[in-house]
Amino acid sequence: MANIRRLRHVVALGKFGSFALAADSVHLSQPAFSRSIQSIEDEYGVPLFVRGSRKVQPTPYGKIVIARAEKILQEVNGLKRDVDLMKAHEFGEVLVGMGPIPAAVLLIPVISRLAKQHPQIHTKVEITHSRNLLKLLNAEALDFFIADIRELNAGDRLDIVPLPKLGLSCFCRVDHPLLSQPVVTAHDLLKFPLASFRFPDQSIVELITSLGYTGDPRLLWTVECDNLLVLAHIASTSDVITLGPEQALRAQKKDKSLVELTLDQPLGVRTHFGIVTLRDRMQSPAAELFLQYAVEQLESGMSPLNKGSARKA
């Protein structure tokens, strides 16, 4: 089969109708160019050009080869362009998996930044819990996922990179009764209905210990929901107190639809997000850029001390 270089030579000769001009256009000596044309004619077993005294003309075979070669070269050039665009983060697709809590923290700022700076990148997102995300990753339906990693085992197939840990905060409406108190205790919180994302079992144990809650863990929550907007709306229109990372509810704090409660003791619960990928699977430039933005978004809301410890981890 003729290689790409020889196809370029055939197209050039068809365009210029002169061995000298065609050879010059592809930066070859005329003897080397002539040998290349003769080689492809020998390969196909037919003459592709009629060597006239004035101008070289393609034979009927030559016309077919030139037409097909032009299409092939167009595809080759298009392929190189697409690869170059991907390298420059101007083209591509990223298949993202997110746990509910990291999705609330990361999706809006990261995807907004991608859409603004690299609008040709297509992002597809699946939001569910770690076990479901792991099934999708193993089926190669995701490039990676970000979720709680404490129940995952790296094993032979997975690479797991821990991300900066975020603390848990409490939020309520602007005229909530608890705001009349200068400091709020865990006992005060438990007098009101609580709402939150569905936490992993380990986080629930940490939270119960932090609150000193002795009742049935299944009765701790009035509302469990993985939709951030639902949680925020419930807290802003009732006495329900919503728990979650401050970074997830920063917009509601800014527009003053929710207020962060000041507790006498911080809740002893932190996130345990991580990036989970299949080992030895190369990430696309679009996926690498998404992950870069995600890490930067997490670090942007942390203290310098926590940033340093996160990088060491």
C-alpha atoms as a PDB file:
ATOM      1  CA  MET A   1       0.000   0.000   0.000  1.00  0.00           C
ATOM      2  CA  ALA A   2       1.323   3.423  -0.931  1.00  0.00           C
ATOM      3  CA  ASN A   3       2.498   5.438   2.038  1.00  0.00           C
ATOM      4  CA  ILE A   4       1.341   8.963   2.845  1.00  0.00           C
ATOM      5  CA  ARG A   5       4.550  10.511   1.534  1.00  0.00           C
ATOM      6  CA  ARG A   6       4.144   8.972  -1.921  1.00  0.00           C
ATOM      7  CA  LEU A   7       0.478   9.988  -2.042  1.00  0.00           C
ATOM      8  CA  ARG A   8       1.579  13.561  -1.420  1.00  0.00           C
ATOM      9  CA  HIS A   9       3.959  13.253  -4.360  1.00  0.00           C
ATOM     10  CA  VAL A  10       1.184  11.996  -6.654  1.00  0.00           C
ATOM     11  CA  VAL A  11      -1.089  14.884  -5.654  1.00  0.00           C
ATOM     12  CA  ALA A  12       1.729  17.395  -6.156  1.00  0.00           C
ATOM     13  CA  LEU A  13       2.508  16.102  -9.651  1.00  0.00           C
ATOM     14  CA  GLY A  14      -1.165  16.203 -10.572  1.00  0.00           C
ATOM     15  CA  LYS A  15      -1.347  19.799  -9.349  1.00  0.00           C
ATOM     16  CA  PHE A  16       1.781  21.196 -11.025  1.00  0.00           C
ATOM     17  CA  GLY A  17       2.007  18.976 -14.125  1.00  0.00           C
ATOM     18  CA  SER A  18       5.780  19.246 -13.899  1.00  0.00           C
ATOM     19  CA  PHE A  19       8.306  16.964 -12.229  1.00  0.00           C
ATOM     20  CA  ALA A  20      10.578  19.910 -11.495  1.00  0.00           C
ATOM     21  CA  LEU A  21       7.887  22.088  -9.900  1.00  0.00           C
ATOM     22  CA  ALA A  22       6.272  19.199  -8.015  1.00  0.00           C
ATOM     23  CA  ALA A  23       9.644  18.029  -6.659  1.00  0.00           C
ATOM     24  CA  ASP A  24      10.439  21.541  -5.488  1.00  0.00           C
ATOM     25  CA  SER A  25       7.057  21.845  -3.717  1.00  0.00           C
ATOM     26  CA  VAL A  26       7.757  18.758  -1.574  1.00  0.00           C
ATOM     27  CA  HIS A  27      11.444  19.643  -1.061  1.00  0.00           C
ATOM     28  CA  LEU A  28      12.933  16.719  -3.015  1.00  0.00           C
ATOM     29  CA  SER A  29      15.451  16.543  -5.801  1.00  0.00           C
ATOM     30  CA  GLN A  30      13.884  15.790  -9.165  1.00  0.00           C
ATOM     31  CA  PRO A  31      15.558  12.334  -9.484  1.00  0.00           C
ATOM     32  CA  ALA A  32      14.321  11.314  -6.005  1.00  0.00           C
ATOM     33  CA  PHE A  33      10.831  12.599  -6.810  1.00  0.00           C
ATOM     34  CA  SER A  34      10.773  10.675 -10.112  1.00  0.00           C
ATOM     35  CA  ARG A  35      11.794   7.470  -8.315  1.00  0.00           C
ATOM     36  CA  SER A  36       8.949   7.972  -5.843  1.00  0.00           C
ATOM     37  CA  ILE A  37       6.358   8.306  -8.641  1.00  0.00           C
ATOM     38  CA  GLN A  38       7.821   5.297 -10.474  1.00  0.00           C
ATOM     39  CA  SER A  39       7.664   3.292  -7.248  1.00  0.00           C
ATOM     40  CA  ILE A  40       3.939   3.879  -6.715  1.00  0.00           C
ATOM     41  CA  GLU A  41       3.237   3.123 -10.376  1.00  0.00           C
ATOM     42  CA  ASP A  42       5.138  -0.160 -10.006  1.00  0.00           C
ATOM     43  CA  GLU A  43       3.163  -0.948  -6.863  1.00  0.00           C
ATOM     44  CA  TYR A  44      -0.207  -0.470  -8.587  1.00  0.00           C
ATOM     45  CA  GLY A  45       1.013  -1.986 -11.843  1.00  0.00           C
ATOM     46  CA  VAL A  46      -0.411   0.842 -13.987  1.00  0.00           C
ATOM     47  CA  PRO A  47       0.869   4.178 -15.335  1.00  0.00           C
ATOM     48  CA  LEU A  48      -0.468   7.116 -13.365  1.00  0.00           C
ATOM     49  CA  PHE A  49       0.940   9.877 -15.570  1.00  0.00           C
ATOM     50  CA  VAL A  50       1.663  10.463 -19.237  1.00  0.00           C
ATOM     51  CA  ARG A  51       5.057  12.090 -19.587  1.00  0.00           C
ATOM     52  CA  GLY A  52       4.548  14.608 -22.403  1.00  0.00           C
ATOM     53  CA  SER A  53       6.972  17.097 -23.809  1.00  0.00           C
ATOM     54  CA  ARG A  54       5.063  20.079 -22.411  1.00  0.00           C
ATOM     55  CA  LYS A  55       3.038  18.995 -19.378  1.00  0.00           C
ATOM     56  CA  VAL A  56       2.680  15.801 -17.391  1.00  0.00           C
ATOM     57  CA  GLN A  57      -0.960  14.611 -17.500  1.00  0.00           C
ATOM     58  CA  PRO A  58      -2.648  12.029 -15.229  1.00  0.00           C
ATOM     59  CA  THR A  59      -3.947   8.863 -16.870  1.00  0.00           C
ATOM     60  CA  PRO A  60      -7.470   7.630 -15.994  1.00  0.00           C
ATOM     61  CA  TYR A  61      -5.794   5.541 -13.282  1.00  0.00           C
ATOM     62  CA  GLY A  62      -3.887   8.596 -12.136  1.00  0.00           C
ATOM     63  CA  LYS A  63      -7.094  10.640 -11.832  1.00  0.00           C
ATOM     64  CA  ILE A  64      -8.628   8.041  -9.524  1.00  0.00           C
ATOM     65  CA  VAL A  65      -5.497   7.814  -7.380  1.00  0.00           C
ATOM     66  CA  ILE A  66      -5.191  11.613  -7.148  1.00  0.00           C
ATOM     67  CA  ALA A  67      -8.857  11.996  -6.120  1.00  0.00           C
ATOM     68  CA  ARG A  68      -8.614   9.311  -3.421  1.00  0.00           C
ATOM     69  CA  ALA A  69      -5.220  10.548  -2.265  1.00  0.00           C
ATOM     70  CA  GLU A  70      -6.578  14.081  -1.773  1.00  0.00           C
ATOM     71  CA  LYS A  71      -9.323  12.720   0.518  1.00  0.00           C
ATOM     72  CA  ILE A  72      -6.841  10.605   2.464  1.00  0.00           C
ATOM     73  CA  LEU A  73      -4.468  13.536   2.939  1.00  0.00           C
ATOM     74  CA  GLN A  74      -7.362  15.746   4.044  1.00  0.00           C
ATOM     75  CA  GLU A  75      -8.253  13.207   6.747  1.00  0.00           C
ATOM     76  CA  VAL A  76      -4.617  12.916   7.819  1.00  0.00           C
ATOM     77  CA  ASN A  77      -4.332  16.696   8.131  1.00  0.00           C
ATOM     78  CA  GLY A  78      -7.639  16.825  10.020  1.00  0.00           C
ATOM     79  CA  LEU A  79      -6.442  14.143  12.414  1.00  0.00           C
ATOM     80  CA  LYS A  80      -3.270  16.068  13.184  1.00  0.00           C
ATOM     81  CA  ARG A  81      -5.299  19.235  13.711  1.00  0.00           C
ATOM     82  CA  ASP A  82      -7.636  17.462  16.154  1.00  0.00           C
ATOM     83  CA  VAL A  83      -4.688  16.080  18.118  1.00  0.00           C
ATOM     84  CA  ASP A  84      -3.058  19.520  18.234  1.00  0.00           C
ATOM     85  CA  LEU A  85      -6.345  21.032  19.440  1.00  0.00           C
ATOM     86  CA  MET A  86      -6.657  18.392  22.141  1.00  0.00           C
ATOM     87  CA  LYS A  87      -3.111  19.125  23.284  1.00  0.00           C
ATOM     88  CA  ALA A  88      -4.053  22.807  23.476  1.00  0.00           C
ATOM     89  CA  HIS A  89      -7.266  21.946  25.432  1.00  0.00           C
ATOM     90  CA  GLU A  90      -9.463  23.275  22.642  1.00  0.00           C
ATOM     91  CA  PHE A  91     -11.148  20.023  21.738  1.00  0.00           C
ATOM     92  CA  GLY A  92     -12.099  16.733  23.353  1.00  0.00           C
ATOM     93  CA  GLU A  93     -14.482  15.014  25.731  1.00  0.00           C
ATOM     94  CA  VAL A  94     -14.251  14.227  29.421  1.00  0.00           C
ATOM     95  CA  LEU A  95     -16.451  11.635  31.181  1.00  0.00           C
ATOM     96  CA  VAL A  96     -16.623  12.610  34.856  1.00  0.00           C
ATOM     97  CA  GLY A  97     -18.012  10.730  37.837  1.00  0.00           C
ATOM     98  CA  MET A  98     -18.778  12.578  41.076  1.00  0.00           C
ATOM     99  CA  GLY A  99     -20.027  11.682  44.498  1.00  0.00           C
ATOM    100  CA  PRO A 100     -22.884  13.971  45.672  1.00  0.00           C
ATOM    101  CA  ILE A 101     -20.778  16.039  48.089  1.00  0.00           C
ATOM    102  CA  PRO A 102     -17.787  16.676  45.779  1.00  0.00           C
ATOM    103  CA  ALA A 103     -20.299  17.441  43.020  1.00  0.00           C
ATOM    104  CA  ALA A 104     -21.854  20.155  45.191  1.00  0.00           C
ATOM    105  CA  VAL A 105     -18.423  21.646  45.857  1.00  0.00           C
ATOM    106  CA  LEU A 106     -16.781  21.296  42.452  1.00  0.00           C
ATOM    107  CA  LEU A 107     -19.131  20.919  39.512  1.00  0.00           C
ATOM    108  CA  ILE A 108     -20.459  24.446  39.111  1.00  0.00           C
ATOM    109  CA  PRO A 109     -17.130  26.311  39.445  1.00  0.00           C
ATOM    110  CA  VAL A 110     -15.077  23.774  37.473  1.00  0.00           C
ATOM    111  CA  ILE A 111     -17.503  23.336  34.577  1.00  0.00           C
ATOM    112  CA  SER A 112     -18.170  27.087  34.455  1.00  0.00           C
ATOM    113  CA  ARG A 113     -14.428  27.701  34.143  1.00  0.00           C
ATOM    114  CA  LEU A 114     -14.082  25.042  31.447  1.00  0.00           C
ATOM    115  CA  ALA A 115     -17.037  26.415  29.476  1.00  0.00           C
ATOM    116  CA  LYS A 116     -15.630  29.929  29.624  1.00  0.00           C
ATOM    117  CA  GLN A 117     -12.004  29.153  28.805  1.00  0.00           C
ATOM    118  CA  HIS A 118     -12.368  26.017  26.631  1.00  0.00           C
ATOM    119  CA  PRO A 119     -15.893  25.936  25.162  1.00  0.00           C
ATOM    120  CA  GLN A 120     -15.051  23.172  22.652  1.00  0.00           C
ATOM    121  CA  ILE A 121     -14.482  20.610  25.425  1.00  0.00           C
ATOM    122  CA  HIS A 122     -17.548  18.407  25.971  1.00  0.00           C
ATOM    123  CA  THR A 123     -18.152  17.366  29.583  1.00  0.00           C
ATOM    124  CA  LYS A 124     -20.456  14.523  30.620  1.00  0.00           C
ATOM    125  CA  VAL A 125     -21.148  14.005  34.328  1.00  0.00           C
ATOM    126  CA  GLU A 126     -22.508  11.077  36.329  1.00  0.00           C
ATOM    127  CA  ILE A 127     -23.426  11.844  39.972  1.00  0.00           C
ATOM    128  CA  THR A 128     -23.854   8.880  42.286  1.00  0.00           C
ATOM    129  CA  HIS A 129     -22.088   7.124  45.154  1.00  0.00           C
ATOM    130  CA  SER A 130     -18.668   5.460  45.175  1.00  0.00           C
ATOM    131  CA  ARG A 131     -19.787   1.895  44.566  1.00  0.00           C
ATOM    132  CA  ASN A 132     -21.828   2.832  41.507  1.00  0.00           C
ATOM    133  CA  LEU A 133     -19.038   5.048  40.204  1.00  0.00           C
ATOM    134  CA  LEU A 134     -16.561   2.196  40.585  1.00  0.00           C
ATOM    135  CA  LYS A 135     -18.725  -0.053  38.402  1.00  0.00           C
ATOM    136  CA  LEU A 136     -18.882   2.640  35.708  1.00  0.00           C
ATOM    137  CA  LEU A 137     -15.114   3.212  35.871  1.00  0.00           C
ATOM    138  CA  ASN A 138     -14.377  -0.521  35.551  1.00  0.00           C
ATOM    139  CA  ALA A 139     -16.675  -0.596  32.518  1.00  0.00           C
ATOM    140  CA  GLU A 140     -14.625   2.336  31.131  1.00  0.00           C
ATOM    141  CA  ALA A 141     -17.764   4.487  31.002  1.00  0.00           C
ATOM    142  CA  LEU A 142     -15.868   7.151  32.982  1.00  0.00           C
ATOM    143  CA  ASP A 143     -12.409   8.684  32.592  1.00  0.00           C
ATOM    144  CA  PHE A 144     -12.183   9.075  36.383  1.00  0.00           C
ATOM    145  CA  PHE A 145     -14.329   9.847  39.380  1.00  0.00           C
ATOM    146  CA  ILE A 146     -14.067  11.971  42.511  1.00  0.00           C
ATOM    147  CA  ALA A 147     -15.795  10.599  45.600  1.00  0.00           C
ATOM    148  CA  ASP A 148     -15.271   9.354  49.151  1.00  0.00           C
ATOM    149  CA  ILE A 149     -12.394   6.885  48.911  1.00  0.00           C
ATOM    150  CA  ARG A 150     -12.476   5.232  52.334  1.00  0.00           C
ATOM    151  CA  GLU A 151     -14.416   2.200  51.126  1.00  0.00           C
ATOM    152  CA  LEU A 152     -12.219   1.696  48.064  1.00  0.00           C
ATOM    153  CA  ASN A 153      -9.215  -0.587  47.701  1.00  0.00           C
ATOM    154  CA  ALA A 154      -6.623   0.411  45.136  1.00  0.00           C
ATOM    155  CA  GLY A 155      -5.707  -3.198  44.302  1.00  0.00           C
ATOM    156  CA  ASP A 156      -4.181  -3.889  40.907  1.00  0.00           C
ATOM    157  CA  ARG A 157      -6.591  -1.846  38.797  1.00  0.00           C
ATOM    158  CA  LEU A 158      -7.025   1.495  40.567  1.00  0.00           C
ATOM    159  CA  ASP A 159      -4.923   4.558  41.239  1.00  0.00           C
ATOM    160  CA  ILE A 160      -6.317   6.644  44.102  1.00  0.00           C
ATOM    161  CA  VAL A 161      -5.049  10.158  44.848  1.00  0.00           C
ATOM    162  CA  PRO A 162      -6.390  11.778  48.063  1.00  0.00           C
ATOM    163  CA  LEU A 163      -7.604  15.377  47.774  1.00  0.00           C
ATOM    164  CA  PRO A 164      -7.595  18.212  50.342  1.00  0.00           C
ATOM    165  CA  LYS A 165     -10.006  17.574  53.214  1.00  0.00           C
ATOM    166  CA  LEU A 166     -12.887  19.950  53.896  1.00  0.00           C
ATOM    167  CA  GLY A 167     -14.622  20.495  57.223  1.00  0.00           C
ATOM    168  CA  LEU A 168     -18.357  20.276  57.813  1.00  0.00           C
ATOM    169  CA  SER A 169     -20.404  23.388  58.695  1.00  0.00           C
ATOM    170  CA  CYS A 170     -24.002  24.125  59.700  1.00  0.00           C
ATOM    171  CA  PHE A 171     -26.295  26.550  57.842  1.00  0.00           C
ATOM    172  CA  CYS A 172     -29.675  28.050  58.633  1.00  0.00           C
ATOM    173  CA  ARG A 173     -32.030  30.817  57.465  1.00  0.00           C
ATOM    174  CA  VAL A 174     -31.202  34.416  58.330  1.00  0.00           C
ATOM    175  CA  ASP A 175     -33.876  34.693  61.066  1.00  0.00           C
ATOM    176  CA  HIS A 176     -33.383  31.271  62.600  1.00  0.00           C
ATOM    177  CA  PRO A 177     -33.929  31.126  66.395  1.00  0.00           C
ATOM    178  CA  LEU A 178     -30.393  29.809  66.983  1.00  0.00           C
ATOM    179  CA  LEU A 179     -28.897  33.039  65.646  1.00  0.00           C
ATOM    180  CA  SER A 180     -30.025  34.857  68.779  1.00  0.00           C
ATOM    181  CA  GLN A 181     -27.381  32.884  70.679  1.00  0.00           C
ATOM    182  CA  PRO A 182     -23.762  34.082  70.571  1.00  0.00           C
ATOM    183  CA  VAL A 183     -22.499  30.498  70.494  1.00  0.00           C
ATOM    184  CA  VAL A 184     -24.300  27.311  69.517  1.00  0.00           C
ATOM    185  CA  THR A 185     -23.588  23.917  71.077  1.00  0.00           C
ATOM    186  CA  ALA A 186     -24.165  20.436  69.696  1.00  0.00           C
ATOM    187  CA  HIS A 187     -27.039  20.092  72.176  1.00  0.00           C
ATOM    188  CA  ASP A 188     -28.634  23.224  70.670  1.00  0.00           C
ATOM    189  CA  LEU A 189     -28.364  21.800  67.152  1.00  0.00           C
ATOM    190  CA  LEU A 190     -30.159  18.616  68.116  1.00  0.00           C
ATOM    191  CA  LYS A 191     -33.222  20.604  69.177  1.00  0.00           C
ATOM    192  CA  PHE A 192     -33.880  21.358  65.495  1.00  0.00           C
ATOM    193  CA  PRO A 193     -34.408  19.148  62.432  1.00  0.00           C
ATOM    194  CA  LEU A 194     -31.233  18.370  60.512  1.00  0.00           C
ATOM    195  CA  ALA A 195     -30.779  17.925  56.765  1.00  0.00           C
ATOM    196  CA  SER A 196     -27.787  16.867  54.717  1.00  0.00           C
ATOM    197  CA  PHE A 197     -26.362  14.856  51.876  1.00  0.00           C
ATOM    198  CA  ARG A 198     -26.299  11.099  52.407  1.00  0.00           C
ATOM    199  CA  PHE A 199     -23.025  10.557  54.211  1.00  0.00           C
ATOM    200  CA  PRO A 200     -20.854   7.432  54.060  1.00  0.00           C
ATOM    201  CA  ASP A 201     -21.200   5.233  57.132  1.00  0.00           C
ATOM    202  CA  GLN A 202     -17.813   6.332  58.500  1.00  0.00           C
ATOM    203  CA  SER A 203     -18.837  10.003  58.379  1.00  0.00           C
ATOM    204  CA  ILE A 204     -22.103   9.291  60.196  1.00  0.00           C
ATOM    205  CA  VAL A 205     -20.156   7.603  63.012  1.00  0.00           C
ATOM    206  CA  GLU A 206     -17.853  10.636  63.233  1.00  0.00           C
ATOM    207  CA  LEU A 207     -20.811  13.023  63.280  1.00  0.00           C
ATOM    208  CA  ILE A 208     -22.715  11.106  65.964  1.00  0.00           C
ATOM    209  CA  THR A 209     -19.593  11.109  68.131  1.00  0.00           C
ATOM    210  CA  SER A 210     -19.039  14.829  67.571  1.00  0.00           C
ATOM    211  CA  LEU A 211     -22.641  15.717  68.428  1.00  0.00           C
ATOM    212  CA  GLY A 212     -22.840  13.361  71.373  1.00  0.00           C
ATOM    213  CA  TYR A 213     -25.964  11.876  69.819  1.00  0.00           C
ATOM    214  CA  THR A 214     -27.136   8.689  71.570  1.00  0.00           C
ATOM    215  CA  GLY A 215     -30.312   7.923  69.652  1.00  0.00           C
ATOM    216  CA  ASP A 216     -30.960   5.734  66.631  1.00  0.00           C
ATOM    217  CA  PRO A 217     -28.652   6.956  63.804  1.00  0.00           C
ATOM    218  CA  ARG A 218     -31.486   6.464  61.332  1.00  0.00           C
ATOM    219  CA  LEU A 219     -33.477   9.118  63.184  1.00  0.00           C
ATOM    220  CA  LEU A 220     -30.742  11.759  63.214  1.00  0.00           C
ATOM    221  CA  TRP A 221     -31.814  13.285  59.883  1.00  0.00           C
ATOM    222  CA  THR A 222     -35.151  14.853  59.070  1.00  0.00           C
ATOM    223  CA  VAL A 223     -34.077  15.158  55.432  1.00  0.00           C
ATOM    224  CA  GLU A 224     -31.400  13.259  53.472  1.00  0.00           C
ATOM    225  CA  CYS A 225     -30.992  14.477  49.904  1.00  0.00           C
ATOM    226  CA  ASP A 226     -28.128  14.587  47.421  1.00  0.00           C
ATOM    227  CA  ASN A 227     -29.436  17.715  45.700  1.00  0.00           C
ATOM    228  CA  LEU A 228     -27.719  20.832  47.024  1.00  0.00           C
ATOM    229  CA  LEU A 229     -30.404  23.244  45.789  1.00  0.00           C
ATOM    230  CA  VAL A 230     -33.114  21.274  47.585  1.00  0.00           C
ATOM    231  CA  LEU A 231     -31.150  21.308  50.850  1.00  0.00           C
ATOM    232  CA  ALA A 232     -30.460  25.029  50.556  1.00  0.00           C
ATOM    233  CA  HIS A 233     -34.099  25.867  49.830  1.00  0.00           C
ATOM    234  CA  ILE A 234     -35.370  23.770  52.748  1.00  0.00           C
ATOM    235  CA  ALA A 235     -32.968  25.470  55.143  1.00  0.00           C
ATOM    236  CA  SER A 236     -33.847  28.957  53.872  1.00  0.00           C
ATOM    237  CA  THR A 237     -37.622  28.434  54.322  1.00  0.00           C
ATOM    238  CA  SER A 238     -37.828  26.482  57.589  1.00  0.00           C
ATOM    239  CA  ASP A 239     -36.102  25.800  60.918  1.00  0.00           C
ATOM    240  CA  VAL A 240     -34.151  22.940  59.325  1.00  0.00           C
ATOM    241  CA  ILE A 241     -30.381  23.167  59.727  1.00  0.00           C
ATOM    242  CA  THR A 242     -28.386  21.958  56.743  1.00  0.00           C
ATOM    243  CA  LEU A 243     -24.958  20.367  57.175  1.00  0.00           C
ATOM    244  CA  GLY A 244     -22.321  20.393  54.468  1.00  0.00           C
ATOM    245  CA  PRO A 245     -18.930  21.770  53.416  1.00  0.00           C
ATOM    246  CA  GLU A 246     -18.804  25.563  53.467  1.00  0.00           C
ATOM    247  CA  GLN A 247     -17.521  25.530  49.885  1.00  0.00           C
ATOM    248  CA  ALA A 248     -20.748  23.844  48.749  1.00  0.00           C
ATOM    249  CA  LEU A 249     -22.980  26.592  50.147  1.00  0.00           C
ATOM    250  CA  ARG A 250     -20.763  29.602  49.555  1.00  0.00           C
ATOM    251  CA  ALA A 251     -23.167  31.117  47.001  1.00  0.00           C
ATOM    252  CA  GLN A 252     -26.048  30.960  49.498  1.00  0.00           C
ATOM    253  CA  LYS A 253     -23.872  32.635  52.120  1.00  0.00           C
ATOM    254  CA  LYS A 254     -22.980  35.363  49.649  1.00  0.00           C
ATOM    255  CA  ASP A 255     -26.585  36.158  48.711  1.00  0.00           C
ATOM    256  CA  LYS A 256     -27.520  35.885  52.434  1.00  0.00           C
ATOM    257  CA  SER A 257     -30.204  33.271  51.921  1.00  0.00           C
ATOM    258  CA  LEU A 258     -28.287  31.140  54.435  1.00  0.00           C
ATOM    259  CA  VAL A 259     -26.069  31.932  57.396  1.00  0.00           C
ATOM    260  CA  GLU A 260     -23.253  29.755  58.730  1.00  0.00           C
ATOM    261  CA  LEU A 261     -23.732  28.993  62.410  1.00  0.00           C
ATOM    262  CA  THR A 262     -20.882  29.586  64.841  1.00  0.00           C
ATOM    263  CA  LEU A 263     -20.423  26.448  66.962  1.00  0.00           C
ATOM    264  CA  ASP A 264     -18.629  26.262  70.283  1.00  0.00           C
ATOM    265  CA  GLN A 265     -16.755  23.218  68.980  1.00  0.00           C
ATOM    266  CA  PRO A 266     -16.188  22.465  65.282  1.00  0.00           C
ATOM    267  CA  LEU A 267     -17.874  19.329  64.025  1.00  0.00           C
ATOM    268  CA  GLY A 268     -15.316  16.528  63.948  1.00  0.00           C
ATOM    269  CA  VAL A 269     -16.186  15.483  60.416  1.00  0.00           C
ATOM    270  CA  ARG A 270     -14.091  16.025  57.327  1.00  0.00           C
ATOM    271  CA  THR A 271     -14.424  14.979  53.728  1.00  0.00           C
ATOM    272  CA  HIS A 272     -12.266  12.203  52.312  1.00  0.00           C
ATOM    273  CA  PHE A 273     -12.422  12.898  48.592  1.00  0.00           C
ATOM    274  CA  GLY A 274     -10.026  11.335  46.159  1.00  0.00           C
ATOM    275  CA  ILE A 275      -9.424  11.043  42.429  1.00  0.00           C
ATOM    276  CA  VAL A 276      -9.937   7.462  41.260  1.00  0.00           C
ATOM    277  CA  THR A 277      -8.626   6.279  37.878  1.00  0.00           C
ATOM    278  CA  LEU A 278      -7.881   2.974  36.198  1.00  0.00           C
ATOM    279  CA  ARG A 279      -4.197   2.135  36.489  1.00  0.00           C
ATOM    280  CA  ASP A 280      -2.173   2.499  33.286  1.00  0.00           C
ATOM    281  CA  ARG A 281      -5.025   4.241  31.480  1.00  0.00           C
ATOM    282  CA  MET A 282      -3.818   7.460  29.895  1.00  0.00           C
ATOM    283  CA  GLN A 283      -6.003  10.490  30.620  1.00  0.00           C
ATOM    284  CA  SER A 284      -6.985  12.808  27.782  1.00  0.00           C
ATOM    285  CA  PRO A 285      -5.811  16.433  27.937  1.00  0.00           C
ATOM    286  CA  ALA A 286      -9.436  17.458  28.632  1.00  0.00           C
ATOM    287  CA  ALA A 287      -9.612  15.090  31.615  1.00  0.00           C
ATOM    288  CA  GLU A 288      -6.266  16.317  32.938  1.00  0.00           C
ATOM    289  CA  LEU A 289      -7.473  19.912  32.692  1.00  0.00           C
ATOM    290  CA  PHE A 290     -10.706  19.101  34.565  1.00  0.00           C
ATOM    291  CA  LEU A 291      -8.697  17.490  37.364  1.00  0.00           C
ATOM    292  CA  GLN A 292      -6.316  20.446  37.508  1.00  0.00           C
ATOM    293  CA  TYR A 293      -9.240  22.851  37.895  1.00  0.00           C
ATOM    294  CA  ALA A 294     -10.848  20.606  40.535  1.00  0.00           C
ATOM    295  CA  VAL A 295      -7.723  20.563  42.703  1.00  0.00           C
ATOM    296  CA  GLU A 296      -7.280  24.326  42.322  1.00  0.00           C
ATOM    297  CA  GLN A 297     -10.915  24.874  43.306  1.00  0.00           C
ATOM    298  CA  LEU A 298     -10.526  22.793  46.470  1.00  0.00           C
ATOM    299  CA  GLU A 299      -7.291  24.518  47.448  1.00  0.00           C
ATOM    300  CA  SER A 300      -8.716  27.998  46.802  1.00  0.00           C
ATOM    301  CA  GLY A 301     -10.930  27.809  49.891  1.00  0.00           C
ATOM    302  CA  MET A 302      -8.328  26.400  52.274  1.00  0.00           C
ATOM    303  CA  SER A 303      -5.978  28.044  54.725  1.00  0.00           C
ATOM    304  CA  PRO A 304      -2.255  28.120  53.807  1.00  0.00           C
ATOM    305  CA  LEU A 305      -1.544  25.531  56.519  1.00  0.00           C
ATOM    306  CA  ASN A 306      -4.118  23.111  55.171  1.00  0.00           C
ATOM    307  CA  LYS A 307      -2.939  23.696  51.619  1.00  0.00           C
ATOM    308  CA  GLY A 308       0.555  22.652  52.569  1.00  0.00           C
ATOM    309  CA  SER A 309      -0.549  19.500  54.330  1.00  0.00           C
ATOM    310  CA  ALA A 310      -2.847  18.610  51.457  1.00  0.00           C
ATOM    311  CA  ARG A 311      -0.003  18.779  48.961  1.00  0.00           C
ATOM    312  CA  LYS A 312       2.145  16.518  51.136  1.00  0.00           C
ATOM    313  CA  ALA A 313      -0.668  13.961  51.228  1.00  0.00           C
END
